[in-house]
Amino acid sequence: MADVSWDEIRSLRADFLNLQLSETTNKLSERNCVELIGLLVKEGLLNVIYTTD
């Protein structure tokens, strides 16, 4: 996985939040999001880190 700065992570988080809050007819369902993230993790393109905070 490439080195990613916290600024990039914050920017991606903000973009993702804006997408979630936007009203559009082209939204992905929760199930599709889960499947997409699962596929990215399986392919090694995304690393999900679970925290308690």
PDB file of N, CA and C in Angstrom:
ATOM      1  N   MET A   1       0.849  -1.174   0.000  1.00  0.00           N
ATOM      2  CA  MET A   1       0.000   0.000   0.000  1.00  0.00           C
ATOM      3  C   MET A   1       0.889   1.229   0.000  1.00  0.00           C
ATOM      4  N   ALA A   2       0.571   2.198  -0.809  1.00  0.00           N
ATOM      5  CA  ALA A   2       1.372   3.416  -0.932  1.00  0.00           C
ATOM      6  C   ALA A   2       1.267   4.256   0.334  1.00  0.00           C
ATOM      7  N   ASP A   3       2.318   5.048   0.585  1.00  0.00           N
ATOM      8  CA  ASP A   3       2.293   5.963   1.721  1.00  0.00           C
ATOM      9  C   ASP A   3       1.259   7.044   1.462  1.00  0.00           C
ATOM     10  N   VAL A   4       0.413   7.264   2.451  1.00  0.00           N
ATOM     11  CA  VAL A   4      -0.651   8.255   2.333  1.00  0.00           C
ATOM     12  C   VAL A   4      -0.558   9.193   3.527  1.00  0.00           C
ATOM     13  N   SER A   5      -0.652  10.484   3.263  1.00  0.00           N
ATOM     14  CA  SER A   5      -0.573  11.457   4.355  1.00  0.00           C
ATOM     15  C   SER A   5      -1.942  11.606   5.015  1.00  0.00           C
ATOM     16  N   TRP A   6      -1.927  12.104   6.236  1.00  0.00           N
ATOM     17  CA  TRP A   6      -3.175  12.344   6.957  1.00  0.00           C
ATOM     18  C   TRP A   6      -4.026  13.380   6.231  1.00  0.00           C
ATOM     19  N   ASP A   7      -3.387  14.343   5.583  1.00  0.00           N
ATOM     20  CA  ASP A   7      -4.143  15.350   4.828  1.00  0.00           C
ATOM     21  C   ASP A   7      -4.939  14.697   3.702  1.00  0.00           C
ATOM     22  N   GLU A   8      -4.330  13.718   3.027  1.00  0.00           N
ATOM     23  CA  GLU A   8      -5.031  13.005   1.957  1.00  0.00           C
ATOM     24  C   GLU A   8      -6.202  12.201   2.518  1.00  0.00           C
ATOM     25  N   ILE A   9      -5.980  11.569   3.667  1.00  0.00           N
ATOM     26  CA  ILE A   9      -7.038  10.783   4.299  1.00  0.00           C
ATOM     27  C   ILE A   9      -8.191  11.695   4.704  1.00  0.00           C
ATOM     28  N   ARG A  10      -7.874  12.834   5.296  1.00  0.00           N
ATOM     29  CA  ARG A  10      -8.918  13.783   5.695  1.00  0.00           C
ATOM     30  C   ARG A  10      -9.690  14.289   4.471  1.00  0.00           C
ATOM     31  N   SER A  11      -8.975  14.547   3.396  1.00  0.00           N
ATOM     32  CA  SER A  11      -9.618  15.018   2.175  1.00  0.00           C
ATOM     33  C   SER A  11     -10.559  13.956   1.607  1.00  0.00           C
ATOM     34  N   LEU A  12     -10.101  12.711   1.566  1.00  0.00           N
ATOM     35  CA  LEU A  12     -10.941  11.618   1.072  1.00  0.00           C
ATOM     36  C   LEU A  12     -12.155  11.415   1.971  1.00  0.00           C
ATOM     37  N   ARG A  13     -11.952  11.540   3.286  1.00  0.00           N
ATOM     38  CA  ARG A  13     -13.059  11.409   4.234  1.00  0.00           C
ATOM     39  C   ARG A  13     -14.102  12.495   3.978  1.00  0.00           C
ATOM     40  N   ALA A  14     -13.648  13.721   3.773  1.00  0.00           N
ATOM     41  CA  ALA A  14     -14.567  14.829   3.504  1.00  0.00           C
ATOM     42  C   ALA A  14     -15.321  14.602   2.193  1.00  0.00           C
ATOM     43  N   ASP A  15     -14.621  14.141   1.170  1.00  0.00           N
ATOM     44  CA  ASP A  15     -15.265  13.852  -0.117  1.00  0.00           C
ATOM     45  C   ASP A  15     -16.327  12.762   0.039  1.00  0.00           C
ATOM     46  N   PHE A  16     -15.979  11.715   0.786  1.00  0.00           N
ATOM     47  CA  PHE A  16     -16.903  10.604   0.997  1.00  0.00           C
ATOM     48  C   PHE A  16     -18.138  11.077   1.765  1.00  0.00           C
ATOM     49  N   LEU A  17     -17.924  11.900   2.796  1.00  0.00           N
ATOM     50  CA  LEU A  17     -19.042  12.426   3.578  1.00  0.00           C
ATOM     51  C   LEU A  17     -19.957  13.283   2.710  1.00  0.00           C
ATOM     52  N   ASN A  18     -19.368  14.130   1.875  1.00  0.00           N
ATOM     53  CA  ASN A  18     -20.173  14.956   0.968  1.00  0.00           C
ATOM     54  C   ASN A  18     -21.001  14.095   0.019  1.00  0.00           C
ATOM     55  N   LEU A  19     -20.404  13.023  -0.469  1.00  0.00           N
ATOM     56  CA  LEU A  19     -21.138  12.120  -1.361  1.00  0.00           C
ATOM     57  C   LEU A  19     -22.290  11.441  -0.642  1.00  0.00           C
ATOM     58  N   GLN A  20     -22.045  11.025   0.606  1.00  0.00           N
ATOM     59  CA  GLN A  20     -23.096  10.364   1.370  1.00  0.00           C
ATOM     60  C   GLN A  20     -24.268  11.300   1.640  1.00  0.00           C
ATOM     61  N   LEU A  21     -23.982  12.565   1.864  1.00  0.00           N
ATOM     62  CA  LEU A  21     -25.021  13.524   2.224  1.00  0.00           C
ATOM     63  C   LEU A  21     -25.722  14.131   1.011  1.00  0.00           C
ATOM     64  N   SER A  22     -25.163  13.940  -0.169  1.00  0.00           N
ATOM     65  CA  SER A  22     -25.752  14.541  -1.366  1.00  0.00           C
ATOM     66  C   SER A  22     -27.014  13.790  -1.778  1.00  0.00           C
ATOM     67  N   GLU A  23     -27.924  14.538  -2.351  1.00  0.00           N
ATOM     68  CA  GLU A  23     -29.163  13.957  -2.868  1.00  0.00           C
ATOM     69  C   GLU A  23     -28.977  13.706  -4.360  1.00  0.00           C
ATOM     70  N   THR A  24     -29.036  12.464  -4.743  1.00  0.00           N
ATOM     71  CA  THR A  24     -28.891  12.117  -6.149  1.00  0.00           C
ATOM     72  C   THR A  24     -29.587  10.791  -6.423  1.00  0.00           C
ATOM     73  N   THR A  25     -29.916  10.558  -7.647  1.00  0.00           N
ATOM     74  CA  THR A  25     -30.550   9.295  -8.019  1.00  0.00           C
ATOM     75  C   THR A  25     -29.512   8.215  -8.307  1.00  0.00           C
ATOM     76  N   ASN A  26     -28.244   8.576  -8.302  1.00  0.00           N
ATOM     77  CA  ASN A  26     -27.183   7.626  -8.630  1.00  0.00           C
ATOM     78  C   ASN A  26     -26.429   7.150  -7.399  1.00  0.00           C
ATOM     79  N   LYS A  27     -27.092   7.092  -6.257  1.00  0.00           N
ATOM     80  CA  LYS A  27     -26.440   6.642  -5.032  1.00  0.00           C
ATOM     81  C   LYS A  27     -26.297   5.121  -5.035  1.00  0.00           C
ATOM     82  N   LEU A  28     -25.245   4.644  -4.398  1.00  0.00           N
ATOM     83  CA  LEU A  28     -25.083   3.211  -4.193  1.00  0.00           C
ATOM     84  C   LEU A  28     -25.846   2.813  -2.938  1.00  0.00           C
ATOM     85  N   SER A  29     -26.431   1.650  -2.962  1.00  0.00           N
ATOM     86  CA  SER A  29     -27.112   1.156  -1.772  1.00  0.00           C
ATOM     87  C   SER A  29     -26.065   0.742  -0.740  1.00  0.00           C
ATOM     88  N   GLU A  30     -26.500   0.608   0.502  1.00  0.00           N
ATOM     89  CA  GLU A  30     -25.583   0.184   1.563  1.00  0.00           C
ATOM     90  C   GLU A  30     -24.978  -1.176   1.228  1.00  0.00           C
ATOM     91  N   ARG A  31     -25.780  -2.064   0.707  1.00  0.00           N
ATOM     92  CA  ARG A  31     -25.294  -3.403   0.341  1.00  0.00           C
ATOM     93  C   ARG A  31     -24.201  -3.314  -0.727  1.00  0.00           C
ATOM     94  N   ASN A  32     -24.408  -2.454  -1.741  1.00  0.00           N
ATOM     95  CA  ASN A  32     -23.399  -2.284  -2.786  1.00  0.00           C
ATOM     96  C   ASN A  32     -22.105  -1.722  -2.216  1.00  0.00           C
ATOM     97  N   CYS A  33     -22.216  -0.779  -1.285  1.00  0.00           N
ATOM     98  CA  CYS A  33     -21.020  -0.205  -0.655  1.00  0.00           C
ATOM     99  C   CYS A  33     -20.247  -1.274   0.106  1.00  0.00           C
ATOM    100  N   VAL A  34     -20.974  -2.102   0.851  1.00  0.00           N
ATOM    101  CA  VAL A  34     -20.332  -3.173   1.615  1.00  0.00           C
ATOM    102  C   VAL A  34     -19.632  -4.144   0.669  1.00  0.00           C
ATOM    103  N   GLU A  35     -20.293  -4.516  -0.416  1.00  0.00           N
ATOM    104  CA  GLU A  35     -19.692  -5.429  -1.389  1.00  0.00           C
ATOM    105  C   GLU A  35     -18.465  -4.809  -2.049  1.00  0.00           C
ATOM    106  N   LEU A  36     -18.558  -3.537  -2.398  1.00  0.00           N
ATOM    107  CA  LEU A  36     -17.442  -2.844  -3.033  1.00  0.00           C
ATOM    108  C   LEU A  36     -16.238  -2.773  -2.106  1.00  0.00           C
ATOM    109  N   ILE A  37     -16.461  -2.399  -0.869  1.00  0.00           N
ATOM    110  CA  ILE A  37     -15.358  -2.311   0.087  1.00  0.00           C
ATOM    111  C   ILE A  37     -14.780  -3.695   0.344  1.00  0.00           C
ATOM    112  N   GLY A  38     -15.639  -4.702   0.459  1.00  0.00           N
ATOM    113  CA  GLY A  38     -15.157  -6.072   0.646  1.00  0.00           C
ATOM    114  C   GLY A  38     -14.281  -6.527  -0.510  1.00  0.00           C
ATOM    115  N   LEU A  39     -14.666  -6.202  -1.726  1.00  0.00           N
ATOM    116  CA  LEU A  39     -13.872  -6.565  -2.903  1.00  0.00           C
ATOM    117  C   LEU A  39     -12.525  -5.843  -2.896  1.00  0.00           C
ATOM    118  N   LEU A  40     -12.530  -4.554  -2.570  1.00  0.00           N
ATOM    119  CA  LEU A  40     -11.277  -3.792  -2.520  1.00  0.00           C
ATOM    120  C   LEU A  40     -10.334  -4.355  -1.460  1.00  0.00           C
ATOM    121  N   VAL A  41     -10.875  -4.755  -0.316  1.00  0.00           N
ATOM    122  CA  VAL A  41     -10.053  -5.356   0.739  1.00  0.00           C
ATOM    123  C   VAL A  41      -9.491  -6.688   0.253  1.00  0.00           C
ATOM    124  N   LYS A  42     -10.339  -7.506  -0.349  1.00  0.00           N
ATOM    125  CA  LYS A  42      -9.919  -8.820  -0.846  1.00  0.00           C
ATOM    126  C   LYS A  42      -8.806  -8.704  -1.882  1.00  0.00           C
ATOM    127  N   GLU A  43      -8.900  -7.702  -2.754  1.00  0.00           N
ATOM    128  CA  GLU A  43      -7.901  -7.491  -3.800  1.00  0.00           C
ATOM    129  C   GLU A  43      -6.644  -6.786  -3.283  1.00  0.00           C
ATOM    130  N   GLY A  44      -6.651  -6.395  -2.016  1.00  0.00           N
ATOM    131  CA  GLY A  44      -5.485  -5.733  -1.438  1.00  0.00           C
ATOM    132  C   GLY A  44      -5.359  -4.269  -1.824  1.00  0.00           C
ATOM    133  N   LEU A  45      -6.436  -3.685  -2.332  1.00  0.00           N
ATOM    134  CA  LEU A  45      -6.407  -2.286  -2.752  1.00  0.00           C
ATOM    135  C   LEU A  45      -6.851  -1.345  -1.642  1.00  0.00           C
ATOM    136  N   LEU A  46      -7.374  -1.919  -0.548  1.00  0.00           N
ATOM    137  CA  LEU A  46      -7.857  -1.111   0.567  1.00  0.00           C
ATOM    138  C   LEU A  46      -7.576  -1.862   1.853  1.00  0.00           C
ATOM    139  N   ASN A  47      -7.100  -1.147   2.852  1.00  0.00           N
ATOM    140  CA  ASN A  47      -6.856  -1.735   4.157  1.00  0.00           C
ATOM    141  C   ASN A  47      -7.782  -1.052   5.148  1.00  0.00           C
ATOM    142  N   VAL A  48      -8.692  -1.813   5.756  1.00  0.00           N
ATOM    143  CA  VAL A  48      -9.649  -1.253   6.707  1.00  0.00           C
ATOM    144  C   VAL A  48      -9.096  -1.453   8.110  1.00  0.00           C
ATOM    145  N   ILE A  49      -9.044  -0.369   8.858  1.00  0.00           N
ATOM    146  CA  ILE A  49      -8.537  -0.414  10.229  1.00  0.00           C
ATOM    147  C   ILE A  49      -9.695  -0.120  11.167  1.00  0.00           C
ATOM    148  N   TYR A  50      -9.969  -1.028  12.078  1.00  0.00           N
ATOM    149  CA  TYR A  50     -11.053  -0.860  13.034  1.00  0.00           C
ATOM    150  C   TYR A  50     -10.499  -0.252  14.316  1.00  0.00           C
ATOM    151  N   THR A  51     -11.184   0.761  14.834  1.00  0.00           N
ATOM    152  CA  THR A  51     -10.784   1.392  16.096  1.00  0.00           C
ATOM    153  C   THR A  51     -11.998   1.501  17.003  1.00  0.00           C
ATOM    154  N   THR A  52     -11.753   1.862  18.244  1.00  0.00           N
ATOM    155  CA  THR A  52     -12.844   2.022  19.203  1.00  0.00           C
ATOM    156  C   THR A  52     -13.124   3.473  19.518  1.00  0.00           C
ATOM    157  N   ASP A  53     -12.465   4.406  18.827  1.00  0.00           N
ATOM    158  CA  ASP A  53     -12.706   5.824  19.103  1.00  0.00           C
ATOM    159  C   ASP A  53     -13.395   6.525  17.979  1.00  0.00           C
TER     160      ASP A  53
END
